[in-house]
C-alpha cells in the first residue's frame, strides 16, 4: 500500500519523493488516497506511471472521501474497502 492525502488536487510531494527513492521491482501496489475536495483526473495516471517506472504494478486504487464518511473514521472506511477487495488482489 502506498497512500497520501490529496492536497490541491494531487497526492502530496512527499509521496512522489518516496516513490522516486524506492525500488518497487516486482511489487504489487495498491494506491490509496483521502480527500475532501476533488482530485485532478491526471493525478492517478501520473501516480500509476511513477510506480511503474520504479518497477511496481498498480493493482488497485482506493479513494476515501472524508465528506462521505458520516459516522465512520478513515481507518474504518479503509478496513472495509480492503476487506471487500482483498480477494480480487490475491487473484492478480
PDB file of N, CA and C in Angstrom:
ATOM      1  N   UNK A   1       0.845  -1.182   0.000  1.00  0.00           N
ATOM      2  CA  UNK A   1       0.000   0.000   0.000  1.00  0.00           C
ATOM      3  C   UNK A   1       0.885   1.237   0.000  1.00  0.00           C
ATOM      4  N   UNK A   2       0.546   2.169  -0.857  1.00  0.00           N
ATOM      5  CA  UNK A   2       1.189   3.479  -0.855  1.00  0.00           C
ATOM      6  C   UNK A   2       0.058   4.492  -0.861  1.00  0.00           C
ATOM      7  N   UNK A   3       0.059   5.384   0.123  1.00  0.00           N
ATOM      8  CA  UNK A   3      -1.065   6.296   0.229  1.00  0.00           C
ATOM      9  C   UNK A   3      -0.678   7.723   0.551  1.00  0.00           C
ATOM     10  N   UNK A   4      -1.650   8.596   0.301  1.00  0.00           N
ATOM     11  CA  UNK A   4      -1.423  10.018   0.515  1.00  0.00           C
ATOM     12  C   UNK A   4      -2.750  10.743   0.633  1.00  0.00           C
ATOM     13  N   UNK A   5      -2.768  11.811   1.412  1.00  0.00           N
ATOM     14  CA  UNK A   5      -3.910  12.717   1.289  1.00  0.00           C
ATOM     15  C   UNK A   5      -3.778  13.480  -0.025  1.00  0.00           C
ATOM     16  N   UNK A   6      -4.860  14.001  -0.502  1.00  0.00           N
ATOM     17  CA  UNK A   6      -4.835  14.830  -1.705  1.00  0.00           C
ATOM     18  C   UNK A   6      -4.779  16.285  -1.252  1.00  0.00           C
ATOM     19  N   UNK A   7      -3.775  16.985  -1.742  1.00  0.00           N
ATOM     20  CA  UNK A   7      -3.603  18.406  -1.465  1.00  0.00           C
ATOM     21  C   UNK A   7      -3.621  19.136  -2.795  1.00  0.00           C
ATOM     22  N   UNK A   8      -4.476  20.089  -2.937  1.00  0.00           N
ATOM     23  CA  UNK A   8      -4.557  20.873  -4.169  1.00  0.00           C
ATOM     24  C   UNK A   8      -4.709  19.969  -5.399  1.00  0.00           C
ATOM     25  N   UNK A   9      -5.569  18.967  -5.262  1.00  0.00           N
ATOM     26  CA  UNK A   9      -5.956  18.055  -6.344  1.00  0.00           C
ATOM     27  C   UNK A   9      -4.921  17.012  -6.728  1.00  0.00           C
ATOM     28  N   UNK A  10      -3.826  16.892  -5.982  1.00  0.00           N
ATOM     29  CA  UNK A  10      -2.775  15.911  -6.267  1.00  0.00           C
ATOM     30  C   UNK A  10      -2.307  15.255  -4.970  1.00  0.00           C
ATOM     31  N   UNK A  11      -1.750  14.026  -5.065  1.00  0.00           N
ATOM     32  CA  UNK A  11      -1.084  13.456  -3.892  1.00  0.00           C
ATOM     33  C   UNK A  11       0.054  14.389  -3.460  1.00  0.00           C
ATOM     34  N   UNK A  12       0.451  14.281  -2.215  1.00  0.00           N
ATOM     35  CA  UNK A  12       1.484  15.176  -1.689  1.00  0.00           C
ATOM     36  C   UNK A  12       2.838  14.953  -2.354  1.00  0.00           C
ATOM     37  N   UNK A  13       3.652  15.981  -2.319  1.00  0.00           N
ATOM     38  CA  UNK A  13       5.010  15.883  -2.871  1.00  0.00           C
ATOM     39  C   UNK A  13       5.820  14.816  -2.144  1.00  0.00           C
ATOM     40  N   UNK A  14       5.520  14.611  -0.871  1.00  0.00           N
ATOM     41  CA  UNK A  14       6.254  13.617  -0.086  1.00  0.00           C
ATOM     42  C   UNK A  14       6.103  12.219  -0.662  1.00  0.00           C
ATOM     43  N   UNK A  15       4.920  11.887  -1.125  1.00  0.00           N
ATOM     44  CA  UNK A  15       4.700  10.536  -1.639  1.00  0.00           C
ATOM     45  C   UNK A  15       5.414  10.359  -2.973  1.00  0.00           C
ATOM     46  N   UNK A  16       5.443  11.412  -3.790  1.00  0.00           N
ATOM     47  CA  UNK A  16       6.204  11.346  -5.040  1.00  0.00           C
ATOM     48  C   UNK A  16       7.688  11.118  -4.735  1.00  0.00           C
ATOM     49  N   UNK A  17       8.226  11.825  -3.747  1.00  0.00           N
ATOM     50  CA  UNK A  17       9.634  11.660  -3.352  1.00  0.00           C
ATOM     51  C   UNK A  17       9.896  10.242  -2.858  1.00  0.00           C
ATOM     52  N   UNK A  18       8.993   9.718  -2.039  1.00  0.00           N
ATOM     53  CA  UNK A  18       9.138   8.355  -1.532  1.00  0.00           C
ATOM     54  C   UNK A  18       9.206   7.357  -2.678  1.00  0.00           C
ATOM     55  N   UNK A  19       8.285   7.472  -3.624  1.00  0.00           N
ATOM     56  CA  UNK A  19       8.257   6.516  -4.738  1.00  0.00           C
ATOM     57  C   UNK A  19       9.531   6.640  -5.577  1.00  0.00           C
ATOM     58  N   UNK A  20       9.961   7.842  -5.853  1.00  0.00           N
ATOM     59  CA  UNK A  20      11.178   8.044  -6.657  1.00  0.00           C
ATOM     60  C   UNK A  20      12.411   7.414  -6.015  1.00  0.00           C
ATOM     61  N   UNK A  21      12.424   7.323  -4.693  1.00  0.00           N
ATOM     62  CA  UNK A  21      13.576   6.780  -3.971  1.00  0.00           C
ATOM     63  C   UNK A  21      13.443   5.292  -3.644  1.00  0.00           C
ATOM     64  N   UNK A  22      12.334   4.674  -4.018  1.00  0.00           N
ATOM     65  CA  UNK A  22      12.056   3.301  -3.611  1.00  0.00           C
ATOM     66  C   UNK A  22      12.061   2.354  -4.800  1.00  0.00           C
ATOM     67  N   UNK A  23      12.759   1.226  -4.655  1.00  0.00           N
ATOM     68  CA  UNK A  23      12.749   0.187  -5.688  1.00  0.00           C
ATOM     69  C   UNK A  23      11.491  -0.657  -5.491  1.00  0.00           C
ATOM     70  N   UNK A  24      10.595  -0.604  -6.440  1.00  0.00           N
ATOM     71  CA  UNK A  24       9.337  -1.357  -6.360  1.00  0.00           C
ATOM     72  C   UNK A  24       9.327  -2.560  -7.299  1.00  0.00           C
ATOM     73  N   UNK A  25      10.488  -2.955  -7.773  1.00  0.00           N
ATOM     74  CA  UNK A  25      10.588  -4.047  -8.738  1.00  0.00           C
ATOM     75  C   UNK A  25       9.847  -5.283  -8.238  1.00  0.00           C
ATOM     76  N   UNK A  26       8.894  -5.737  -9.067  1.00  0.00           N
ATOM     77  CA  UNK A  26       8.141  -6.947  -8.763  1.00  0.00           C
ATOM     78  C   UNK A  26       7.059  -6.789  -7.705  1.00  0.00           C
ATOM     79  N   UNK A  27       6.846  -5.584  -7.216  1.00  0.00           N
ATOM     80  CA  UNK A  27       5.855  -5.362  -6.161  1.00  0.00           C
ATOM     81  C   UNK A  27       4.485  -5.043  -6.738  1.00  0.00           C
ATOM     82  N   UNK A  28       3.457  -5.633  -6.156  1.00  0.00           N
ATOM     83  CA  UNK A  28       2.081  -5.261  -6.450  1.00  0.00           C
ATOM     84  C   UNK A  28       1.717  -4.133  -5.497  1.00  0.00           C
ATOM     85  N   UNK A  29       1.156  -3.060  -6.043  1.00  0.00           N
ATOM     86  CA  UNK A  29       0.910  -1.863  -5.250  1.00  0.00           C
ATOM     87  C   UNK A  29      -0.560  -1.475  -5.306  1.00  0.00           C
ATOM     88  N   UNK A  30      -1.116  -1.206  -4.138  1.00  0.00           N
ATOM     89  CA  UNK A  30      -2.445  -0.614  -4.035  1.00  0.00           C
ATOM     90  C   UNK A  30      -2.225   0.839  -3.627  1.00  0.00           C
ATOM     91  N   UNK A  31      -2.672   1.757  -4.475  1.00  0.00           N
ATOM     92  CA  UNK A  31      -2.590   3.177  -4.154  1.00  0.00           C
ATOM     93  C   UNK A  31      -3.863   3.578  -3.426  1.00  0.00           C
ATOM     94  N   UNK A  32      -3.720   4.387  -2.382  1.00  0.00           N
ATOM     95  CA  UNK A  32      -4.907   4.891  -1.715  1.00  0.00           C
ATOM     96  C   UNK A  32      -4.723   6.363  -1.386  1.00  0.00           C
ATOM     97  N   UNK A  33      -5.837   7.047  -1.353  1.00  0.00           N
ATOM     98  CA  UNK A  33      -5.786   8.476  -1.058  1.00  0.00           C
ATOM     99  C   UNK A  33      -7.042   8.878  -0.303  1.00  0.00           C
ATOM    100  N   UNK A  34      -6.906   9.953   0.463  1.00  0.00           N
ATOM    101  CA  UNK A  34      -8.041  10.551   1.163  1.00  0.00           C
ATOM    102  C   UNK A  34      -8.212  11.963   0.631  1.00  0.00           C
ATOM    103  N   UNK A  35      -9.468  12.415   0.600  1.00  0.00           N
ATOM    104  CA  UNK A  35      -9.727  13.745   0.069  1.00  0.00           C
ATOM    105  C   UNK A  35     -11.026  14.308   0.608  1.00  0.00           C
ATOM    106  N   UNK A  36     -11.134  15.617   0.580  1.00  0.00           N
ATOM    107  CA  UNK A  36     -12.382  16.313   0.914  1.00  0.00           C
ATOM    108  C   UNK A  36     -12.901  17.054  -0.301  1.00  0.00           C
ATOM    109  N   UNK A  37     -11.997  17.522  -1.116  1.00  0.00           N
ATOM    110  CA  UNK A  37     -12.385  18.287  -2.306  1.00  0.00           C
ATOM    111  C   UNK A  37     -12.387  17.391  -3.516  1.00  0.00           C
ATOM    112  N   UNK A  38     -11.549  17.728  -4.457  1.00  0.00           N
ATOM    113  CA  UNK A  38     -11.506  16.969  -5.692  1.00  0.00           C
ATOM    114  C   UNK A  38     -10.150  16.351  -5.929  1.00  0.00           C
ATOM    115  N   UNK A  39     -10.068  15.676  -7.061  1.00  0.00           N
ATOM    116  CA  UNK A  39      -8.846  15.016  -7.485  1.00  0.00           C
ATOM    117  C   UNK A  39      -8.667  15.316  -8.961  1.00  0.00           C
ATOM    118  N   UNK A  40      -7.496  15.768  -9.358  1.00  0.00           N
ATOM    119  CA  UNK A  40      -7.216  16.035 -10.761  1.00  0.00           C
ATOM    120  C   UNK A  40      -7.251  14.722 -11.529  1.00  0.00           C
ATOM    121  N   UNK A  41      -7.885  14.715 -12.691  1.00  0.00           N
ATOM    122  CA  UNK A  41      -8.000  13.496 -13.495  1.00  0.00           C
ATOM    123  C   UNK A  41      -6.645  12.893 -13.840  1.00  0.00           C
ATOM    124  N   UNK A  42      -5.629  13.724 -13.995  1.00  0.00           N
ATOM    125  CA  UNK A  42      -4.298  13.242 -14.360  1.00  0.00           C
ATOM    126  C   UNK A  42      -3.513  12.704 -13.167  1.00  0.00           C
ATOM    127  N   UNK A  43      -3.947  13.006 -11.970  1.00  0.00           N
ATOM    128  CA  UNK A  43      -3.172  12.657 -10.777  1.00  0.00           C
ATOM    129  C   UNK A  43      -2.953  11.155 -10.643  1.00  0.00           C
ATOM    130  N   UNK A  44      -3.995  10.362 -10.767  1.00  0.00           N
ATOM    131  CA  UNK A  44      -3.855   8.911 -10.619  1.00  0.00           C
ATOM    132  C   UNK A  44      -3.009   8.338 -11.748  1.00  0.00           C
ATOM    133  N   UNK A  45      -3.192   8.853 -12.953  1.00  0.00           N
ATOM    134  CA  UNK A  45      -2.381   8.398 -14.081  1.00  0.00           C
ATOM    135  C   UNK A  45      -0.895   8.680 -13.830  1.00  0.00           C
ATOM    136  N   UNK A  46      -0.588   9.873 -13.346  1.00  0.00           N
ATOM    137  CA  UNK A  46       0.803  10.218 -13.032  1.00  0.00           C
ATOM    138  C   UNK A  46       1.363   9.328 -11.934  1.00  0.00           C
ATOM    139  N   UNK A  47       0.571   9.127 -10.910  1.00  0.00           N
ATOM    140  CA  UNK A  47       0.979   8.300  -9.770  1.00  0.00           C
ATOM    141  C   UNK A  47       1.247   6.871 -10.228  1.00  0.00           C
ATOM    142  N   UNK A  48       0.352   6.320 -11.033  1.00  0.00           N
ATOM    143  CA  UNK A  48       0.486   4.955 -11.547  1.00  0.00           C
ATOM    144  C   UNK A  48       1.719   4.830 -12.436  1.00  0.00           C
ATOM    145  N   UNK A  49       1.946   5.812 -13.289  1.00  0.00           N
ATOM    146  CA  UNK A  49       3.113   5.809 -14.173  1.00  0.00           C
ATOM    147  C   UNK A  49       4.403   5.859 -13.368  1.00  0.00           C
ATOM    148  N   UNK A  50       4.424   6.648 -12.313  1.00  0.00           N
ATOM    149  CA  UNK A  50       5.611   6.740 -11.462  1.00  0.00           C
ATOM    150  C   UNK A  50       5.909   5.403 -10.794  1.00  0.00           C
ATOM    151  N   UNK A  51       4.886   4.744 -10.272  1.00  0.00           N
ATOM    152  CA  UNK A  51       5.075   3.428  -9.653  1.00  0.00           C
ATOM    153  C   UNK A  51       5.636   2.447 -10.689  1.00  0.00           C
ATOM    154  N   UNK A  52       5.082   2.446 -11.887  1.00  0.00           N
ATOM    155  CA  UNK A  52       5.554   1.552 -12.950  1.00  0.00           C
ATOM    156  C   UNK A  52       7.011   1.847 -13.318  1.00  0.00           C
ATOM    157  N   UNK A  53       7.384   3.116 -13.312  1.00  0.00           N
ATOM    158  CA  UNK A  53       8.760   3.479 -13.654  1.00  0.00           C
ATOM    159  C   UNK A  53       9.759   2.964 -12.621  1.00  0.00           C
ATOM    160  N   UNK A  54       9.274   2.666 -11.433  1.00  0.00           N
ATOM    161  CA  UNK A  54      10.120   2.112 -10.371  1.00  0.00           C
ATOM    162  C   UNK A  54       9.984   0.598 -10.264  1.00  0.00           C
ATOM    163  N   UNK A  55       9.287  -0.013 -11.264  1.00  0.00           N
ATOM    164  CA  UNK A  55       9.198  -1.473 -11.330  1.00  0.00           C
ATOM    165  C   UNK A  55       7.976  -2.074 -10.694  1.00  0.00           C
ATOM    166  N   UNK A  56       7.089  -1.258 -10.126  1.00  0.00           N
ATOM    167  CA  UNK A  56       5.894  -1.782  -9.470  1.00  0.00           C
ATOM    168  C   UNK A  56       4.707  -1.885 -10.419  1.00  0.00           C
ATOM    169  N   UNK A  57       3.718  -2.637  -9.981  1.00  0.00           N
ATOM    170  CA  UNK A  57       2.484  -2.782 -10.756  1.00  0.00           C
ATOM    171  C   UNK A  57       1.313  -2.375  -9.869  1.00  0.00           C
ATOM    172  N   UNK A  58       0.592  -1.337 -10.277  1.00  0.00           N
ATOM    173  CA  UNK A  58      -0.574  -0.886  -9.516  1.00  0.00           C
ATOM    174  C   UNK A  58      -1.723  -1.840  -9.808  1.00  0.00           C
ATOM    175  N   UNK A  59      -2.239  -2.475  -8.753  1.00  0.00           N
ATOM    176  CA  UNK A  59      -3.329  -3.437  -8.934  1.00  0.00           C
ATOM    177  C   UNK A  59      -4.682  -2.871  -8.523  1.00  0.00           C
ATOM    178  N   UNK A  60      -4.674  -1.735  -7.836  1.00  0.00           N
ATOM    179  CA  UNK A  60      -5.936  -1.099  -7.455  1.00  0.00           C
ATOM    180  C   UNK A  60      -5.647   0.310  -6.957  1.00  0.00           C
ATOM    181  N   UNK A  61      -6.669   1.136  -7.007  1.00  0.00           N
ATOM    182  CA  UNK A  61      -6.602   2.499  -6.476  1.00  0.00           C
ATOM    183  C   UNK A  61      -7.857   2.706  -5.628  1.00  0.00           C
ATOM    184  N   UNK A  62      -7.654   3.142  -4.400  1.00  0.00           N
ATOM    185  CA  UNK A  62      -8.761   3.341  -3.466  1.00  0.00           C
ATOM    186  C   UNK A  62      -8.785   4.795  -3.018  1.00  0.00           C
ATOM    187  N   UNK A  63      -9.925   5.426  -3.143  1.00  0.00           N
ATOM    188  CA  UNK A  63     -10.100   6.789  -2.666  1.00  0.00           C
ATOM    189  C   UNK A  63     -11.129   6.831  -1.551  1.00  0.00           C
ATOM    190  N   UNK A  64     -10.816   7.565  -0.502  1.00  0.00           N
ATOM    191  CA  UNK A  64     -11.736   7.724   0.623  1.00  0.00           C
ATOM    192  C   UNK A  64     -12.095   9.197   0.743  1.00  0.00           C
ATOM    193  N   UNK A  65     -13.348   9.498   0.514  1.00  0.00           N
ATOM    194  CA  UNK A  65     -13.850  10.871   0.581  1.00  0.00           C
ATOM    195  C   UNK A  65     -14.286  11.173   2.015  1.00  0.00           C
ATOM    196  N   UNK A  66     -13.596  12.117   2.646  1.00  0.00           N
ATOM    197  CA  UNK A  66     -13.921  12.487   4.030  1.00  0.00           C
ATOM    198  C   UNK A  66     -15.371  12.927   4.171  1.00  0.00           C
ATOM    199  N   UNK A  67     -15.901  13.597   3.159  1.00  0.00           N
ATOM    200  CA  UNK A  67     -17.275  14.097   3.235  1.00  0.00           C
ATOM    201  C   UNK A  67     -18.306  12.981   3.262  1.00  0.00           C
ATOM    202  N   UNK A  68     -17.958  11.829   2.729  1.00  0.00           N
ATOM    203  CA  UNK A  68     -18.907  10.717   2.650  1.00  0.00           C
ATOM    204  C   UNK A  68     -18.801   9.748   3.828  1.00  0.00           C
ATOM    205  N   UNK A  69     -17.916  10.010   4.761  1.00  0.00           N
ATOM    206  CA  UNK A  69     -17.694   9.068   5.858  1.00  0.00           C
ATOM    207  C   UNK A  69     -18.846   9.006   6.859  1.00  0.00           C
ATOM    208  N   UNK A  70     -19.517  10.094   7.066  1.00  0.00           N
ATOM    209  CA  UNK A  70     -20.590  10.191   8.054  1.00  0.00           C
ATOM    210  C   UNK A  70     -20.076   9.820   9.431  1.00  0.00           C
ATOM    211  N   UNK A  71     -20.476   8.677   9.979  1.00  0.00           N
ATOM    212  CA  UNK A  71     -20.082   8.304  11.340  1.00  0.00           C
ATOM    213  C   UNK A  71     -18.836   7.420  11.394  1.00  0.00           C
ATOM    214  N   UNK A  72     -18.245   7.101  10.261  1.00  0.00           N
ATOM    215  CA  UNK A  72     -17.068   6.236  10.226  1.00  0.00           C
ATOM    216  C   UNK A  72     -15.794   7.067  10.338  1.00  0.00           C
ATOM    217  N   UNK A  73     -14.737   6.404  10.779  1.00  0.00           N
ATOM    218  CA  UNK A  73     -13.415   7.007  10.741  1.00  0.00           C
ATOM    219  C   UNK A  73     -12.754   6.587   9.421  1.00  0.00           C
ATOM    220  N   UNK A  74     -11.687   7.261   9.063  1.00  0.00           N
ATOM    221  CA  UNK A  74     -10.943   6.873   7.865  1.00  0.00           C
ATOM    222  C   UNK A  74     -10.441   5.444   8.020  1.00  0.00           C
ATOM    223  N   UNK A  75      -9.991   5.107   9.210  1.00  0.00           N
ATOM    224  CA  UNK A  75      -9.482   3.763   9.465  1.00  0.00           C
ATOM    225  C   UNK A  75     -10.577   2.723   9.226  1.00  0.00           C
ATOM    226  N   UNK A  76     -11.776   2.966   9.701  1.00  0.00           N
ATOM    227  CA  UNK A  76     -12.883   2.025   9.493  1.00  0.00           C
ATOM    228  C   UNK A  76     -13.234   1.902   8.011  1.00  0.00           C
ATOM    229  N   UNK A  77     -13.278   3.029   7.320  1.00  0.00           N
ATOM    230  CA  UNK A  77     -13.596   3.005   5.888  1.00  0.00           C
ATOM    231  C   UNK A  77     -12.519   2.252   5.107  1.00  0.00           C
ATOM    232  N   UNK A  78     -11.267   2.485   5.450  1.00  0.00           N
ATOM    233  CA  UNK A  78     -10.171   1.786   4.776  1.00  0.00           C
ATOM    234  C   UNK A  78     -10.244   0.285   5.038  1.00  0.00           C
ATOM    235  N   UNK A  79     -10.510  -0.089   6.266  1.00  0.00           N
ATOM    236  CA  UNK A  79     -10.614  -1.508   6.608  1.00  0.00           C
ATOM    237  C   UNK A  79     -11.714  -2.184   5.786  1.00  0.00           C
ATOM    238  N   UNK A  80     -12.872  -1.533   5.666  1.00  0.00           N
ATOM    239  CA  UNK A  80     -13.971  -2.096   4.886  1.00  0.00           C
ATOM    240  C   UNK A  80     -13.595  -2.251   3.412  1.00  0.00           C
ATOM    241  N   UNK A  81     -12.946  -1.232   2.857  1.00  0.00           N
ATOM    242  CA  UNK A  81     -12.525  -1.311   1.456  1.00  0.00           C
ATOM    243  C   UNK A  81     -11.516  -2.432   1.230  1.00  0.00           C
ATOM    244  N   UNK A  82     -10.554  -2.547   2.111  1.00  0.00           N
ATOM    245  CA  UNK A  82      -9.549  -3.603   1.983  1.00  0.00           C
ATOM    246  C   UNK A  82     -10.213  -4.974   2.070  1.00  0.00           C
ATOM    247  N   UNK A  83     -11.081  -5.166   3.043  1.00  0.00           N
ATOM    248  CA  UNK A  83     -11.749  -6.462   3.192  1.00  0.00           C
ATOM    249  C   UNK A  83     -12.584  -6.809   1.965  1.00  0.00           C
ATOM    250  N   UNK A  84     -13.230  -5.805   1.374  1.00  0.00           N
ATOM    251  CA  UNK A  84     -14.088  -6.074   0.227  1.00  0.00           C
ATOM    252  C   UNK A  84     -13.298  -6.346  -1.060  1.00  0.00           C
ATOM    253  N   UNK A  85     -12.053  -5.917  -1.110  1.00  0.00           N
ATOM    254  CA  UNK A  85     -11.258  -6.059  -2.344  1.00  0.00           C
ATOM    255  C   UNK A  85     -10.115  -7.064  -2.253  1.00  0.00           C
ATOM    256  N   UNK A  86      -9.800  -7.505  -1.072  1.00  0.00           N
ATOM    257  CA  UNK A  86      -8.643  -8.371  -0.871  1.00  0.00           C
ATOM    258  C   UNK A  86      -8.638  -9.610  -1.762  1.00  0.00           C
ATOM    259  N   UNK A  87      -9.773 -10.264  -1.885  1.00  0.00           N
ATOM    260  CA  UNK A  87      -9.828 -11.475  -2.710  1.00  0.00           C
ATOM    261  C   UNK A  87      -9.449 -11.199  -4.155  1.00  0.00           C
ATOM    262  N   UNK A  88      -9.906 -10.080  -4.694  1.00  0.00           N
ATOM    263  CA  UNK A  88      -9.559  -9.760  -6.091  1.00  0.00           C
ATOM    264  C   UNK A  88      -8.058  -9.481  -6.235  1.00  0.00           C
ATOM    265  N   UNK A  89      -7.429  -8.906  -5.220  1.00  0.00           N
ATOM    266  CA  UNK A  89      -5.992  -8.648  -5.287  1.00  0.00           C
ATOM    267  C   UNK A  89      -5.207  -9.957  -5.288  1.00  0.00           C
ATOM    268  N   UNK A  90      -5.672 -10.911  -4.518  1.00  0.00           N
ATOM    269  CA  UNK A  90      -4.956 -12.184  -4.420  1.00  0.00           C
ATOM    270  C   UNK A  90      -5.005 -12.955  -5.740  1.00  0.00           C
ATOM    271  N   UNK A  91      -5.966 -12.655  -6.597  1.00  0.00           N
ATOM    272  CA  UNK A  91      -6.098 -13.306  -7.884  1.00  0.00           C
ATOM    273  C   UNK A  91      -5.095 -12.755  -8.916  1.00  0.00           C
ATOM    274  N   UNK A  92      -4.529 -11.598  -8.629  1.00  0.00           N
ATOM    275  CA  UNK A  92      -3.621 -10.948  -9.590  1.00  0.00           C
ATOM    276  C   UNK A  92      -2.200 -11.406  -9.436  1.00  0.00           C
TER     277      UNK A  92
END
